[in-house]
Amino acid sequence: MAITLKVNERDYLVDVEPDSPLLWAIRDTIGLTGTKFGCGIAECGACTVLVDGRAVRSCMFPVGSAESTAITTIEGLAKDGTLHRVQQAWIDHQVPQCGYCQSGMIMSVVALLNRHRNPTDAEIDAEVTNACRCSTYHRVRQAIRLAASRMPT
């Protein structure tokens, strides 16, 4: 079945079943591989993308539910050669170690900061539930604080 997806401000016609996971349409059909497969049960967060600005775990999000939405992947965050403030904060605090989970973690943080300009620890804990095997959570929190301080007024 042909479904039109708007990914990173560009339209893609994908021929997939509506109940197929969005992750596979993004990676295998469109070819954007920054979004990672982790657990396949929406627990780890490696597959997190933004759908209409909301963080979703794309491994369990049906493609049919993504039609007529704006999807943003890690590849769509930087604009005109400038990293998104969360991406830059990640670099400034040297957050990644192995890096596998980082694209999903960054997307969750972008969604968090879109909802809370200066998030509390409780809001961070509630909304950024991505798993990181390298346990860089302390650096993640520092990077979130830095990115929040760089929010435009």
C-alpha atoms as a PDB file:
ATOM      1  CA  MET A   1       0.000   0.000   0.000  1.00  0.00           C
ATOM      2  CA  ALA A   2       1.384   3.423  -0.904  1.00  0.00           C
ATOM      3  CA  ILE A   3       1.604   5.856   2.003  1.00  0.00           C
ATOM      4  CA  THR A   4       3.050   9.377   1.915  1.00  0.00           C
ATOM      5  CA  LEU A   5       5.307  10.261   4.827  1.00  0.00           C
ATOM      6  CA  LYS A   6       6.688  13.725   5.498  1.00  0.00           C
ATOM      7  CA  VAL A   7      10.143  13.092   6.962  1.00  0.00           C
ATOM      8  CA  ASN A   8      12.498  15.972   7.711  1.00  0.00           C
ATOM      9  CA  GLU A   9      10.292  18.333   5.691  1.00  0.00           C
ATOM     10  CA  ARG A  10      10.409  16.125   2.593  1.00  0.00           C
ATOM     11  CA  ASP A  11       7.634  13.905   1.220  1.00  0.00           C
ATOM     12  CA  TYR A  12       8.320  10.220   0.595  1.00  0.00           C
ATOM     13  CA  LEU A  13       5.952   7.743  -1.029  1.00  0.00           C
ATOM     14  CA  VAL A  14       6.521   4.395   0.672  1.00  0.00           C
ATOM     15  CA  ASP A  15       4.981   1.099  -0.371  1.00  0.00           C
ATOM     16  CA  VAL A  16       4.511  -0.617   2.986  1.00  0.00           C
ATOM     17  CA  GLU A  17       1.662  -2.078   4.984  1.00  0.00           C
ATOM     18  CA  PRO A  18      -0.009   0.480   7.279  1.00  0.00           C
ATOM     19  CA  ASP A  19       0.711  -1.652  10.347  1.00  0.00           C
ATOM     20  CA  SER A  20       4.443  -1.900   9.564  1.00  0.00           C
ATOM     21  CA  PRO A  21       6.684  -0.190  12.118  1.00  0.00           C
ATOM     22  CA  LEU A  22       7.668   3.350  11.180  1.00  0.00           C
ATOM     23  CA  LEU A  23      11.288   2.443  12.010  1.00  0.00           C
ATOM     24  CA  TRP A  24      11.560   0.093   9.045  1.00  0.00           C
ATOM     25  CA  ALA A  25       9.993   2.588   6.640  1.00  0.00           C
ATOM     26  CA  ILE A  26      12.508   5.213   7.781  1.00  0.00           C
ATOM     27  CA  ARG A  27      15.557   2.928   7.677  1.00  0.00           C
ATOM     28  CA  ASP A  28      14.872   0.381   4.952  1.00  0.00           C
ATOM     29  CA  THR A  29      12.560   2.189   2.549  1.00  0.00           C
ATOM     30  CA  ILE A  30      13.628   5.823   2.869  1.00  0.00           C
ATOM     31  CA  GLY A  31      17.260   5.019   3.742  1.00  0.00           C
ATOM     32  CA  LEU A  32      17.751   7.239   6.801  1.00  0.00           C
ATOM     33  CA  THR A  33      19.789   5.048   9.133  1.00  0.00           C
ATOM     34  CA  GLY A  34      20.437   7.427  12.042  1.00  0.00           C
ATOM     35  CA  THR A  35      17.373   6.045  13.818  1.00  0.00           C
ATOM     36  CA  LYS A  36      18.477   2.758  15.387  1.00  0.00           C
ATOM     37  CA  PHE A  37      16.822  -0.570  16.135  1.00  0.00           C
ATOM     38  CA  GLY A  38      17.349  -1.564  19.737  1.00  0.00           C
ATOM     39  CA  CYS A  39      14.857  -3.777  21.502  1.00  0.00           C
ATOM     40  CA  GLY A  40      11.870  -3.917  19.150  1.00  0.00           C
ATOM     41  CA  ILE A  41       9.402  -3.501  22.034  1.00  0.00           C
ATOM     42  CA  ALA A  42       9.514   0.302  22.546  1.00  0.00           C
ATOM     43  CA  GLU A  43      11.499   0.067  25.780  1.00  0.00           C
ATOM     44  CA  CYS A  44      15.079   1.174  25.032  1.00  0.00           C
ATOM     45  CA  GLY A  45      14.367   4.312  22.967  1.00  0.00           C
ATOM     46  CA  ALA A  46      17.106   3.868  20.349  1.00  0.00           C
ATOM     47  CA  CYS A  47      14.399   4.207  17.689  1.00  0.00           C
ATOM     48  CA  THR A  48      12.943   7.492  18.992  1.00  0.00           C
ATOM     49  CA  VAL A  49      11.838  10.030  16.387  1.00  0.00           C
ATOM     50  CA  LEU A  50       9.573  13.051  16.601  1.00  0.00           C
ATOM     51  CA  VAL A  51       6.043  12.827  15.219  1.00  0.00           C
ATOM     52  CA  ASP A  52       4.466  16.271  15.222  1.00  0.00           C
ATOM     53  CA  GLY A  53       7.096  17.246  17.798  1.00  0.00           C
ATOM     54  CA  ARG A  54       6.255  14.372  20.146  1.00  0.00           C
ATOM     55  CA  ALA A  55       8.829  11.676  20.939  1.00  0.00           C
ATOM     56  CA  VAL A  56       7.663   8.261  19.738  1.00  0.00           C
ATOM     57  CA  ARG A  57       9.326   4.868  19.710  1.00  0.00           C
ATOM     58  CA  SER A  58       9.240   4.114  15.998  1.00  0.00           C
ATOM     59  CA  CYS A  59       9.786   0.356  16.356  1.00  0.00           C
ATOM     60  CA  MET A  60       6.181   0.012  17.568  1.00  0.00           C
ATOM     61  CA  PHE A  61       4.584   3.041  15.872  1.00  0.00           C
ATOM     62  CA  PRO A  62       2.588   1.987  12.794  1.00  0.00           C
ATOM     63  CA  VAL A  63       3.375   3.708   9.522  1.00  0.00           C
ATOM     64  CA  GLY A  64      -0.349   4.252   8.940  1.00  0.00           C
ATOM     65  CA  SER A  65      -0.501   6.414  12.074  1.00  0.00           C
ATOM     66  CA  ALA A  66       2.332   8.579  10.733  1.00  0.00           C
ATOM     67  CA  GLU A  67       0.539   9.598   7.551  1.00  0.00           C
ATOM     68  CA  SER A  68      -0.362  13.326   7.554  1.00  0.00           C
ATOM     69  CA  THR A  69       2.156  14.070  10.319  1.00  0.00           C
ATOM     70  CA  ALA A  70       5.543  15.769  10.392  1.00  0.00           C
ATOM     71  CA  ILE A  71       8.257  13.243  11.218  1.00  0.00           C
ATOM     72  CA  THR A  72      11.706  14.377  12.304  1.00  0.00           C
ATOM     73  CA  THR A  73      14.678  12.041  12.547  1.00  0.00           C
ATOM     74  CA  ILE A  74      18.171  12.767  13.833  1.00  0.00           C
ATOM     75  CA  GLU A  75      19.156  13.644  10.249  1.00  0.00           C
ATOM     76  CA  GLY A  76      16.596  16.470  10.244  1.00  0.00           C
ATOM     77  CA  LEU A  77      17.729  18.341  13.358  1.00  0.00           C
ATOM     78  CA  ALA A  78      20.660  20.335  11.974  1.00  0.00           C
ATOM     79  CA  LYS A  79      19.635  23.303   9.838  1.00  0.00           C
ATOM     80  CA  ASP A  80      21.764  25.057   7.233  1.00  0.00           C
ATOM     81  CA  GLY A  81      24.925  23.357   8.464  1.00  0.00           C
ATOM     82  CA  THR A  82      24.320  24.315  12.105  1.00  0.00           C
ATOM     83  CA  LEU A  83      23.779  21.613  14.689  1.00  0.00           C
ATOM     84  CA  HIS A  84      20.647  21.713  16.810  1.00  0.00           C
ATOM     85  CA  ARG A  85      21.422  23.093  20.287  1.00  0.00           C
ATOM     86  CA  VAL A  86      20.905  19.611  21.799  1.00  0.00           C
ATOM     87  CA  GLN A  87      23.377  18.060  19.351  1.00  0.00           C
ATOM     88  CA  GLN A  88      25.899  20.780  20.181  1.00  0.00           C
ATOM     89  CA  ALA A  89      25.384  20.301  23.922  1.00  0.00           C
ATOM     90  CA  TRP A  90      26.030  16.566  23.423  1.00  0.00           C
ATOM     91  CA  ILE A  91      29.377  17.407  21.829  1.00  0.00           C
ATOM     92  CA  ASP A  92      30.227  20.063  24.422  1.00  0.00           C
ATOM     93  CA  HIS A  93      29.680  17.559  27.262  1.00  0.00           C
ATOM     94  CA  GLN A  94      31.131  14.575  25.380  1.00  0.00           C
ATOM     95  CA  VAL A  95      27.984  12.572  26.117  1.00  0.00           C
ATOM     96  CA  PRO A  96      28.359   9.626  23.724  1.00  0.00           C
ATOM     97  CA  GLN A  97      30.621   6.712  24.395  1.00  0.00           C
ATOM     98  CA  CYS A  98      29.574   3.895  22.061  1.00  0.00           C
ATOM     99  CA  GLY A  99      26.922   6.258  20.643  1.00  0.00           C
ATOM    100  CA  TYR A 100      24.365   3.656  19.572  1.00  0.00           C
ATOM    101  CA  CYS A 101      21.517   5.023  21.697  1.00  0.00           C
ATOM    102  CA  GLN A 102      22.378   8.672  21.226  1.00  0.00           C
ATOM    103  CA  SER A 103      20.195   9.553  18.244  1.00  0.00           C
ATOM    104  CA  GLY A 104      17.119   8.330  20.122  1.00  0.00           C
ATOM    105  CA  MET A 105      18.247  10.012  23.333  1.00  0.00           C
ATOM    106  CA  ILE A 106      18.777  13.320  21.522  1.00  0.00           C
ATOM    107  CA  MET A 107      15.327  13.112  19.950  1.00  0.00           C
ATOM    108  CA  SER A 108      13.733  12.497  23.362  1.00  0.00           C
ATOM    109  CA  VAL A 109      15.556  15.519  24.777  1.00  0.00           C
ATOM    110  CA  VAL A 110      14.460  17.728  21.869  1.00  0.00           C
ATOM    111  CA  ALA A 111      10.843  16.739  22.562  1.00  0.00           C
ATOM    112  CA  LEU A 112      11.360  17.405  26.288  1.00  0.00           C
ATOM    113  CA  LEU A 113      12.770  20.878  25.665  1.00  0.00           C
ATOM    114  CA  ASN A 114       9.959  21.657  23.240  1.00  0.00           C
ATOM    115  CA  ARG A 115       7.530  21.040  26.112  1.00  0.00           C
ATOM    116  CA  HIS A 116       9.596  22.347  29.051  1.00  0.00           C
ATOM    117  CA  ARG A 117      11.998  25.237  28.455  1.00  0.00           C
ATOM    118  CA  ASN A 118      13.805  24.639  31.740  1.00  0.00           C
ATOM    119  CA  PRO A 119      12.934  21.091  32.805  1.00  0.00           C
ATOM    120  CA  THR A 120      13.116  19.930  36.392  1.00  0.00           C
ATOM    121  CA  ASP A 121      14.907  16.728  37.318  1.00  0.00           C
ATOM    122  CA  ALA A 122      11.500  15.081  37.719  1.00  0.00           C
ATOM    123  CA  GLU A 123      10.454  16.139  34.194  1.00  0.00           C
ATOM    124  CA  ILE A 124      13.736  14.838  32.769  1.00  0.00           C
ATOM    125  CA  ASP A 125      13.303  11.534  34.610  1.00  0.00           C
ATOM    126  CA  ALA A 126       9.698  11.192  33.440  1.00  0.00           C
ATOM    127  CA  GLU A 127      10.257  12.041  29.785  1.00  0.00           C
ATOM    128  CA  VAL A 128      13.764  10.855  28.912  1.00  0.00           C
ATOM    129  CA  THR A 129      13.517   7.147  29.613  1.00  0.00           C
ATOM    130  CA  ASN A 130      15.948   5.963  26.961  1.00  0.00           C
ATOM    131  CA  ALA A 131      18.394   3.243  27.951  1.00  0.00           C
ATOM    132  CA  CYS A 132      22.147   3.823  27.635  1.00  0.00           C
ATOM    133  CA  ARG A 133      24.404   0.809  28.130  1.00  0.00           C
ATOM    134  CA  CYS A 134      27.393   3.090  28.692  1.00  0.00           C
ATOM    135  CA  SER A 135      25.545   4.889  31.518  1.00  0.00           C
ATOM    136  CA  THR A 136      26.343   8.435  30.461  1.00  0.00           C
ATOM    137  CA  TYR A 137      23.253   9.693  32.292  1.00  0.00           C
ATOM    138  CA  HIS A 138      25.205  12.290  34.308  1.00  0.00           C
ATOM    139  CA  ARG A 139      26.558  13.823  31.102  1.00  0.00           C
ATOM    140  CA  VAL A 140      23.110  13.614  29.519  1.00  0.00           C
ATOM    141  CA  ARG A 141      21.648  15.682  32.361  1.00  0.00           C
ATOM    142  CA  GLN A 142      24.487  18.237  32.043  1.00  0.00           C
ATOM    143  CA  ALA A 143      23.894  18.476  28.296  1.00  0.00           C
ATOM    144  CA  ILE A 144      20.148  18.942  28.834  1.00  0.00           C
ATOM    145  CA  ARG A 145      20.844  21.834  31.210  1.00  0.00           C
ATOM    146  CA  LEU A 146      23.242  23.404  28.681  1.00  0.00           C
ATOM    147  CA  ALA A 147      20.786  23.006  25.796  1.00  0.00           C
ATOM    148  CA  ALA A 148      17.996  24.509  27.934  1.00  0.00           C
ATOM    149  CA  SER A 149      20.203  27.515  28.691  1.00  0.00           C
ATOM    150  CA  ARG A 150      20.632  28.029  24.939  1.00  0.00           C
ATOM    151  CA  MET A 151      16.885  28.139  24.252  1.00  0.00           C
ATOM    152  CA  PRO A 152      15.920  31.228  22.262  1.00  0.00           C
ATOM    153  CA  THR A 153      13.835  33.717  24.215  1.00  0.00           C
END
